[in-house]
Amino acid sequence: HAAPDTHVMDENKRMAQREESDIQDWIRRNGADMRATGTGLRYRLVRDVLGDTAKPEQVAVVNFAVFLLNGDTCYRSSPGKPAKFRIEHSDVESGLQEGIQHLSVGDSAVLVIPSALAFGLIGDRDKIPMRSTVIYHIGLVALRK
């Protein structure tokens, strides 16, 4: 009879393996040539403009759409009204904080953010279910001080 902690750890490991498998399936289905970072974030630049990449402390001005692996749309910025967040100083997902730092102004990218770097075990209690990988289609419009 395994200790309860071992059971929970085994279950978390199984869930993480299932999520990784789902991410790999999505990448295969979408033919995406994605780069992986050490954290589990994947990204692909769709448009790559020369310039300095975003840095901590800057305010990123972005157009975005957020999807689940099944293609459901969760959120999107309004046309002509980009969203803003201070890099590494706001409460947006850590995967978005990391992903934006691979972009320079004018770039657009697809970010695949595993649940541990997104909304985790509980989701966002609105449109993103618990333990959900999220896909960002994101464009970096501007960087501000």
N, C-alpha and C. Protein backbone atom coordinates (compact mmCIF):
# COMPACT_ATOMS: atom_id res chain seq x y z
N HIS A 1 0.86 -1.18 0.00
CA HIS A 1 0.00 0.00 0.00
C HIS A 1 0.90 1.24 0.00
N ALA A 2 0.83 2.03 -1.07
CA ALA A 2 1.68 3.21 -1.22
C ALA A 2 1.21 4.34 -0.31
N ALA A 3 2.14 5.13 0.15
CA ALA A 3 1.80 6.29 0.96
C ALA A 3 0.98 7.26 0.09
N PRO A 4 0.06 8.03 0.70
CA PRO A 4 -0.76 8.96 -0.08
C PRO A 4 0.07 9.93 -0.93
N ASP A 5 1.19 10.40 -0.38
CA ASP A 5 2.02 11.34 -1.13
C ASP A 5 2.54 10.70 -2.42
N THR A 6 2.90 9.44 -2.36
CA THR A 6 3.40 8.73 -3.53
C THR A 6 2.29 8.62 -4.58
N HIS A 7 1.08 8.31 -4.13
CA HIS A 7 -0.05 8.21 -5.05
C HIS A 7 -0.28 9.54 -5.79
N VAL A 8 -0.27 10.65 -5.04
CA VAL A 8 -0.47 11.98 -5.63
C VAL A 8 0.66 12.29 -6.62
N MET A 9 1.89 11.99 -6.24
CA MET A 9 3.02 12.25 -7.13
C MET A 9 2.91 11.41 -8.41
N ASP A 10 2.52 10.14 -8.27
CA ASP A 10 2.34 9.28 -9.45
C ASP A 10 1.25 9.82 -10.35
N GLU A 11 0.15 10.25 -9.76
CA GLU A 11 -0.96 10.80 -10.55
C GLU A 11 -0.54 12.07 -11.28
N ASN A 12 0.20 12.95 -10.59
CA ASN A 12 0.69 14.18 -11.22
C ASN A 12 1.63 13.86 -12.38
N LYS A 13 2.47 12.85 -12.19
CA LYS A 13 3.39 12.44 -13.26
C LYS A 13 2.60 11.92 -14.46
N ARG A 14 1.57 11.09 -14.21
CA ARG A 14 0.73 10.59 -15.30
C ARG A 14 0.04 11.73 -16.05
N MET A 15 -0.49 12.70 -15.30
CA MET A 15 -1.16 13.84 -15.91
C MET A 15 -0.17 14.65 -16.76
N ALA A 16 1.04 14.86 -16.25
CA ALA A 16 2.06 15.61 -16.98
C ALA A 16 2.45 14.87 -18.26
N GLN A 17 2.58 13.54 -18.18
CA GLN A 17 2.92 12.74 -19.38
C GLN A 17 1.79 12.81 -20.40
N ARG A 18 0.55 12.76 -19.93
CA ARG A 18 -0.60 12.85 -20.84
C ARG A 18 -0.61 14.22 -21.52
N GLU A 19 -0.36 15.28 -20.74
CA GLU A 19 -0.35 16.62 -21.32
C GLU A 19 0.77 16.75 -22.36
N GLU A 20 1.95 16.23 -22.04
CA GLU A 20 3.07 16.28 -22.99
C GLU A 20 2.71 15.54 -24.27
N SER A 21 2.07 14.39 -24.15
CA SER A 21 1.64 13.63 -25.31
C SER A 21 0.63 14.43 -26.14
N ASP A 22 -0.32 15.10 -25.47
CA ASP A 22 -1.31 15.93 -26.16
C ASP A 22 -0.63 17.09 -26.90
N ILE A 23 0.38 17.69 -26.27
CA ILE A 23 1.12 18.79 -26.91
C ILE A 23 1.84 18.28 -28.16
N GLN A 24 2.51 17.12 -28.03
CA GLN A 24 3.21 16.53 -29.18
C GLN A 24 2.23 16.24 -30.32
N ASP A 25 1.05 15.71 -30.00
CA ASP A 25 0.03 15.44 -31.02
C ASP A 25 -0.39 16.74 -31.71
N TRP A 26 -0.61 17.79 -30.94
CA TRP A 26 -1.02 19.08 -31.51
C TRP A 26 0.07 19.60 -32.46
N ILE A 27 1.33 19.51 -32.03
CA ILE A 27 2.44 19.98 -32.86
C ILE A 27 2.49 19.17 -34.16
N ARG A 28 2.32 17.86 -34.09
CA ARG A 28 2.32 17.03 -35.30
C ARG A 28 1.16 17.41 -36.22
N ARG A 29 -0.03 17.55 -35.66
CA ARG A 29 -1.23 17.88 -36.47
C ARG A 29 -1.11 19.23 -37.14
N ASN A 30 -0.46 20.16 -36.48
CA ASN A 30 -0.37 21.52 -37.00
C ASN A 30 0.90 21.76 -37.81
N GLY A 31 1.70 20.72 -37.97
CA GLY A 31 2.91 20.82 -38.78
C GLY A 31 3.83 21.92 -38.32
N ALA A 32 3.78 22.20 -37.06
CA ALA A 32 4.53 23.34 -36.55
C ALA A 32 5.97 22.97 -36.25
N ASP A 33 6.88 23.74 -36.80
CA ASP A 33 8.30 23.59 -36.50
C ASP A 33 8.57 24.46 -35.28
N MET A 34 8.47 23.88 -34.10
CA MET A 34 8.52 24.66 -32.88
C MET A 34 9.84 24.46 -32.13
N ARG A 35 10.28 25.52 -31.50
CA ARG A 35 11.45 25.45 -30.63
C ARG A 35 10.96 25.22 -29.21
N ALA A 36 11.70 24.41 -28.46
CA ALA A 36 11.35 24.15 -27.06
C ALA A 36 12.36 24.87 -26.16
N THR A 37 11.86 25.41 -25.07
CA THR A 37 12.76 25.98 -24.06
C THR A 37 12.88 24.96 -22.94
N GLY A 38 13.76 25.21 -22.01
CA GLY A 38 13.97 24.28 -20.90
C GLY A 38 12.79 24.16 -19.96
N THR A 39 11.85 25.10 -20.03
CA THR A 39 10.72 25.08 -19.10
C THR A 39 9.54 24.25 -19.61
N GLY A 40 9.54 23.93 -20.90
CA GLY A 40 8.40 23.23 -21.49
C GLY A 40 7.63 24.10 -22.47
N LEU A 41 7.92 25.39 -22.48
CA LEU A 41 7.32 26.29 -23.47
C LEU A 41 7.80 25.91 -24.86
N ARG A 42 6.90 25.95 -25.84
CA ARG A 42 7.28 25.82 -27.25
C ARG A 42 6.87 27.09 -27.96
N TYR A 43 7.66 27.51 -28.95
CA TYR A 43 7.27 28.69 -29.72
C TYR A 43 7.76 28.57 -31.15
N ARG A 44 7.05 29.27 -32.02
CA ARG A 44 7.44 29.36 -33.43
C ARG A 44 7.16 30.77 -33.88
N LEU A 45 8.18 31.42 -34.42
CA LEU A 45 7.99 32.76 -34.96
C LEU A 45 7.30 32.62 -36.32
N VAL A 46 6.18 33.30 -36.47
CA VAL A 46 5.44 33.30 -37.72
C VAL A 46 5.95 34.44 -38.59
N ARG A 47 6.22 35.57 -37.94
CA ARG A 47 6.86 36.70 -38.62
C ARG A 47 8.02 37.10 -37.73
N ASP A 48 9.21 37.18 -38.31
CA ASP A 48 10.43 37.46 -37.56
C ASP A 48 11.04 38.74 -38.11
N VAL A 49 10.94 39.81 -37.33
CA VAL A 49 11.46 41.11 -37.73
C VAL A 49 12.75 41.35 -36.97
N LEU A 50 13.76 41.88 -37.65
CA LEU A 50 15.01 42.20 -36.96
C LEU A 50 14.77 43.25 -35.89
N GLY A 51 15.40 43.07 -34.76
CA GLY A 51 15.28 44.05 -33.69
C GLY A 51 15.59 43.42 -32.36
N ASP A 52 15.69 44.26 -31.34
CA ASP A 52 15.97 43.77 -29.99
C ASP A 52 14.74 43.06 -29.43
N THR A 53 14.98 41.94 -28.77
CA THR A 53 13.86 41.21 -28.17
C THR A 53 13.40 41.92 -26.90
N ALA A 54 12.17 41.63 -26.53
CA ALA A 54 11.57 42.21 -25.33
C ALA A 54 12.36 41.81 -24.09
N LYS A 55 12.42 42.71 -23.13
CA LYS A 55 13.20 42.50 -21.91
C LYS A 55 12.33 42.73 -20.68
N PRO A 56 12.72 42.11 -19.53
CA PRO A 56 12.02 42.39 -18.28
C PRO A 56 11.98 43.90 -18.02
N GLU A 57 10.93 44.34 -17.36
CA GLU A 57 10.66 45.73 -17.00
C GLU A 57 9.94 46.50 -18.12
N GLN A 58 10.11 46.09 -19.39
CA GLN A 58 9.41 46.79 -20.45
C GLN A 58 7.93 46.44 -20.43
N VAL A 59 7.12 47.31 -21.01
CA VAL A 59 5.70 47.02 -21.17
C VAL A 59 5.50 46.51 -22.59
N ALA A 60 4.98 45.29 -22.69
CA ALA A 60 4.70 44.68 -23.99
C ALA A 60 3.28 45.07 -24.40
N VAL A 61 3.14 45.55 -25.62
CA VAL A 61 1.83 45.88 -26.19
C VAL A 61 1.59 44.81 -27.25
N VAL A 62 0.51 44.02 -27.06
CA VAL A 62 0.32 42.83 -27.89
C VAL A 62 -1.11 42.69 -28.40
N ASN A 63 -1.21 42.12 -29.59
CA ASN A 63 -2.46 41.57 -30.09
C ASN A 63 -2.37 40.08 -29.86
N PHE A 64 -3.47 39.45 -29.43
CA PHE A 64 -3.38 38.03 -29.12
C PHE A 64 -4.72 37.33 -29.28
N ALA A 65 -4.63 36.03 -29.43
CA ALA A 65 -5.78 35.14 -29.30
C ALA A 65 -5.28 33.92 -28.53
N VAL A 66 -6.12 33.42 -27.62
CA VAL A 66 -5.77 32.27 -26.80
C VAL A 66 -6.73 31.13 -27.14
N PHE A 67 -6.15 29.97 -27.42
CA PHE A 67 -6.91 28.78 -27.79
C PHE A 67 -6.54 27.62 -26.87
N LEU A 68 -7.43 26.64 -26.80
CA LEU A 68 -7.11 25.37 -26.17
C LEU A 68 -6.60 24.43 -27.26
N LEU A 69 -6.02 23.30 -26.87
CA LEU A 69 -5.50 22.34 -27.84
C LEU A 69 -6.58 21.83 -28.80
N ASN A 70 -7.85 21.83 -28.36
CA ASN A 70 -8.92 21.35 -29.23
C ASN A 70 -9.40 22.41 -30.21
N GLY A 71 -8.78 23.61 -30.17
CA GLY A 71 -9.12 24.67 -31.11
C GLY A 71 -10.11 25.68 -30.57
N ASP A 72 -10.71 25.41 -29.40
CA ASP A 72 -11.66 26.38 -28.83
C ASP A 72 -10.95 27.69 -28.53
N THR A 73 -11.58 28.81 -28.90
CA THR A 73 -11.04 30.13 -28.58
C THR A 73 -11.49 30.53 -27.19
N CYS A 74 -10.53 30.95 -26.36
CA CYS A 74 -10.83 31.38 -24.99
C CYS A 74 -10.90 32.90 -24.89
N TYR A 75 -9.90 33.56 -25.42
CA TYR A 75 -9.81 35.02 -25.31
C TYR A 75 -9.14 35.57 -26.56
N ARG A 76 -9.42 36.83 -26.85
CA ARG A 76 -8.67 37.52 -27.89
C ARG A 76 -8.73 39.02 -27.61
N SER A 77 -7.68 39.70 -28.05
CA SER A 77 -7.68 41.16 -27.90
C SER A 77 -8.67 41.73 -28.92
N SER A 78 -9.21 42.90 -28.61
CA SER A 78 -10.15 43.55 -29.53
C SER A 78 -9.39 44.21 -30.66
N PRO A 79 -9.94 44.18 -31.89
CA PRO A 79 -9.27 44.84 -33.02
C PRO A 79 -8.98 46.31 -32.69
N GLY A 80 -7.74 46.72 -32.93
CA GLY A 80 -7.35 48.10 -32.68
C GLY A 80 -7.13 48.44 -31.22
N LYS A 81 -7.31 47.47 -30.33
CA LYS A 81 -7.12 47.71 -28.89
C LYS A 81 -6.21 46.64 -28.30
N PRO A 82 -4.90 46.75 -28.56
CA PRO A 82 -3.99 45.73 -28.03
C PRO A 82 -3.96 45.75 -26.50
N ALA A 83 -3.57 44.61 -25.94
CA ALA A 83 -3.42 44.47 -24.49
C ALA A 83 -2.00 44.90 -24.11
N LYS A 84 -1.80 45.21 -22.83
CA LYS A 84 -0.48 45.63 -22.34
C LYS A 84 -0.19 44.88 -21.05
N PHE A 85 1.07 44.53 -20.88
CA PHE A 85 1.51 44.00 -19.58
C PHE A 85 2.99 44.27 -19.39
N ARG A 86 3.37 44.47 -18.11
CA ARG A 86 4.78 44.71 -17.79
C ARG A 86 5.46 43.35 -17.66
N ILE A 87 6.53 43.17 -18.42
CA ILE A 87 7.22 41.89 -18.48
C ILE A 87 7.86 41.57 -17.13
N GLU A 88 7.52 40.41 -16.63
CA GLU A 88 7.97 39.87 -15.34
C GLU A 88 7.51 40.68 -14.14
N HIS A 89 6.49 41.54 -14.32
CA HIS A 89 5.95 42.30 -13.18
C HIS A 89 4.44 42.32 -13.17
N SER A 90 3.80 41.47 -13.96
CA SER A 90 2.34 41.47 -13.96
C SER A 90 1.89 40.04 -13.76
N ASP A 91 0.60 39.89 -13.55
CA ASP A 91 0.11 38.56 -13.20
C ASP A 91 -0.36 37.75 -14.42
N VAL A 92 0.24 37.99 -15.58
CA VAL A 92 -0.04 37.10 -16.71
C VAL A 92 0.79 35.83 -16.54
N GLU A 93 0.39 34.80 -17.26
CA GLU A 93 1.02 33.49 -17.13
C GLU A 93 2.54 33.55 -17.31
N SER A 94 3.25 32.71 -16.53
CA SER A 94 4.72 32.70 -16.63
C SER A 94 5.16 32.27 -18.03
N GLY A 95 4.40 31.41 -18.70
CA GLY A 95 4.75 31.01 -20.06
C GLY A 95 4.66 32.16 -21.04
N LEU A 96 3.70 33.05 -20.84
CA LEU A 96 3.60 34.25 -21.68
C LEU A 96 4.75 35.21 -21.36
N GLN A 97 5.07 35.35 -20.07
CA GLN A 97 6.21 36.19 -19.68
C GLN A 97 7.49 35.71 -20.36
N GLU A 98 7.68 34.39 -20.38
CA GLU A 98 8.87 33.83 -21.01
C GLU A 98 8.81 33.97 -22.53
N GLY A 99 7.66 33.61 -23.11
CA GLY A 99 7.53 33.60 -24.56
C GLY A 99 7.72 34.96 -25.21
N ILE A 100 7.20 36.01 -24.57
CA ILE A 100 7.28 37.35 -25.15
C ILE A 100 8.73 37.79 -25.30
N GLN A 101 9.61 37.24 -24.45
CA GLN A 101 11.02 37.64 -24.48
C GLN A 101 11.78 37.01 -25.66
N HIS A 102 11.09 36.21 -26.46
CA HIS A 102 11.69 35.71 -27.71
C HIS A 102 11.28 36.56 -28.90
N LEU A 103 10.47 37.59 -28.67
CA LEU A 103 9.93 38.42 -29.76
C LEU A 103 10.52 39.81 -29.75
N SER A 104 10.65 40.38 -30.94
CA SER A 104 10.97 41.80 -31.09
C SER A 104 9.75 42.48 -31.71
N VAL A 105 9.72 43.81 -31.66
CA VAL A 105 8.57 44.56 -32.17
C VAL A 105 8.33 44.19 -33.64
N GLY A 106 7.09 43.87 -33.96
CA GLY A 106 6.72 43.47 -35.31
C GLY A 106 6.63 41.96 -35.49
N ASP A 107 7.21 41.21 -34.55
CA ASP A 107 7.15 39.75 -34.63
C ASP A 107 5.75 39.26 -34.28
N SER A 108 5.42 38.12 -34.85
CA SER A 108 4.25 37.38 -34.38
C SER A 108 4.68 35.94 -34.21
N ALA A 109 4.01 35.25 -33.29
CA ALA A 109 4.44 33.90 -32.93
C ALA A 109 3.26 33.08 -32.46
N VAL A 110 3.50 31.78 -32.45
CA VAL A 110 2.60 30.83 -31.81
C VAL A 110 3.35 30.31 -30.58
N LEU A 111 2.72 30.41 -29.42
CA LEU A 111 3.30 29.91 -28.18
C LEU A 111 2.43 28.75 -27.70
N VAL A 112 3.06 27.63 -27.39
CA VAL A 112 2.34 26.51 -26.78
C VAL A 112 2.80 26.47 -25.32
N ILE A 113 1.86 26.77 -24.43
CA ILE A 113 2.19 26.94 -23.01
C ILE A 113 1.54 25.82 -22.20
N PRO A 114 2.36 24.91 -21.65
CA PRO A 114 1.79 23.84 -20.83
C PRO A 114 1.11 24.40 -19.58
N SER A 115 0.20 23.64 -19.03
CA SER A 115 -0.61 24.13 -17.91
C SER A 115 0.24 24.64 -16.74
N ALA A 116 1.37 24.00 -16.47
CA ALA A 116 2.21 24.43 -15.34
C ALA A 116 2.73 25.85 -15.52
N LEU A 117 2.82 26.31 -16.79
CA LEU A 117 3.28 27.68 -17.07
C LEU A 117 2.11 28.59 -17.42
N ALA A 118 0.89 28.04 -17.37
CA ALA A 118 -0.30 28.80 -17.72
C ALA A 118 -1.18 28.96 -16.48
N PHE A 119 -2.31 28.27 -16.44
CA PHE A 119 -3.26 28.44 -15.34
C PHE A 119 -3.30 27.26 -14.40
N GLY A 120 -2.40 26.28 -14.61
CA GLY A 120 -2.19 25.20 -13.65
C GLY A 120 -3.37 24.31 -13.37
N LEU A 121 -3.41 23.83 -12.15
CA LEU A 121 -4.39 22.83 -11.73
C LEU A 121 -5.83 23.34 -11.78
N ILE A 122 -6.03 24.63 -11.50
CA ILE A 122 -7.41 25.09 -11.38
C ILE A 122 -7.94 25.81 -12.61
N GLY A 123 -7.09 26.08 -13.60
CA GLY A 123 -7.56 26.87 -14.73
C GLY A 123 -7.74 28.32 -14.31
N ASP A 124 -8.49 29.08 -15.11
CA ASP A 124 -8.69 30.49 -14.74
C ASP A 124 -10.07 30.74 -14.16
N ARG A 125 -10.80 29.65 -13.90
CA ARG A 125 -12.16 29.70 -13.33
C ARG A 125 -13.13 30.45 -14.22
N ASP A 126 -12.81 30.54 -15.51
CA ASP A 126 -13.72 31.17 -16.46
C ASP A 126 -13.73 30.33 -17.73
N LYS A 127 -12.82 30.62 -18.65
CA LYS A 127 -12.85 29.95 -19.95
C LYS A 127 -11.78 28.89 -20.14
N ILE A 128 -10.81 28.85 -19.23
CA ILE A 128 -9.72 27.88 -19.36
C ILE A 128 -9.88 26.81 -18.28
N PRO A 129 -10.16 25.57 -18.71
CA PRO A 129 -10.38 24.49 -17.73
C PRO A 129 -9.11 24.13 -16.97
N MET A 130 -9.29 23.37 -15.90
CA MET A 130 -8.14 22.94 -15.10
C MET A 130 -7.17 22.12 -15.96
N ARG A 131 -5.90 22.23 -15.63
CA ARG A 131 -4.82 21.48 -16.29
C ARG A 131 -4.80 21.64 -17.81
N SER A 132 -5.06 22.85 -18.30
CA SER A 132 -5.13 23.06 -19.75
C SER A 132 -3.86 23.68 -20.31
N THR A 133 -3.38 23.08 -21.40
CA THR A 133 -2.36 23.71 -22.23
C THR A 133 -3.06 24.84 -22.99
N VAL A 134 -2.39 25.97 -23.13
CA VAL A 134 -2.97 27.05 -23.93
C VAL A 134 -2.04 27.39 -25.10
N ILE A 135 -2.67 27.79 -26.20
CA ILE A 135 -1.96 28.19 -27.41
C ILE A 135 -2.20 29.69 -27.59
N TYR A 136 -1.14 30.46 -27.66
CA TYR A 136 -1.25 31.89 -27.95
C TYR A 136 -0.83 32.14 -29.39
N HIS A 137 -1.65 32.87 -30.13
CA HIS A 137 -1.23 33.49 -31.38
C HIS A 137 -1.03 34.94 -30.97
N ILE A 138 0.21 35.40 -31.04
CA ILE A 138 0.52 36.70 -30.44
C ILE A 138 1.40 37.52 -31.37
N GLY A 139 1.13 38.81 -31.38
CA GLY A 139 1.95 39.76 -32.13
C GLY A 139 2.42 40.86 -31.19
N LEU A 140 3.70 41.16 -31.24
CA LEU A 140 4.25 42.23 -30.40
C LEU A 140 4.19 43.53 -31.18
N VAL A 141 3.27 44.41 -30.78
CA VAL A 141 3.00 45.66 -31.47
C VAL A 141 4.04 46.72 -31.09
N ALA A 142 4.37 46.79 -29.80
CA ALA A 142 5.29 47.84 -29.31
C ALA A 142 5.89 47.41 -27.98
N LEU A 143 6.99 48.05 -27.65
CA LEU A 143 7.58 47.93 -26.31
C LEU A 143 7.69 49.33 -25.75
N ARG A 144 7.30 49.48 -24.49
CA ARG A 144 7.38 50.79 -23.85
C ARG A 144 8.15 50.66 -22.55
N LYS A 145 8.63 51.78 -22.08
CA LYS A 145 9.37 51.81 -20.81
C LYS A 145 8.45 51.58 -19.64
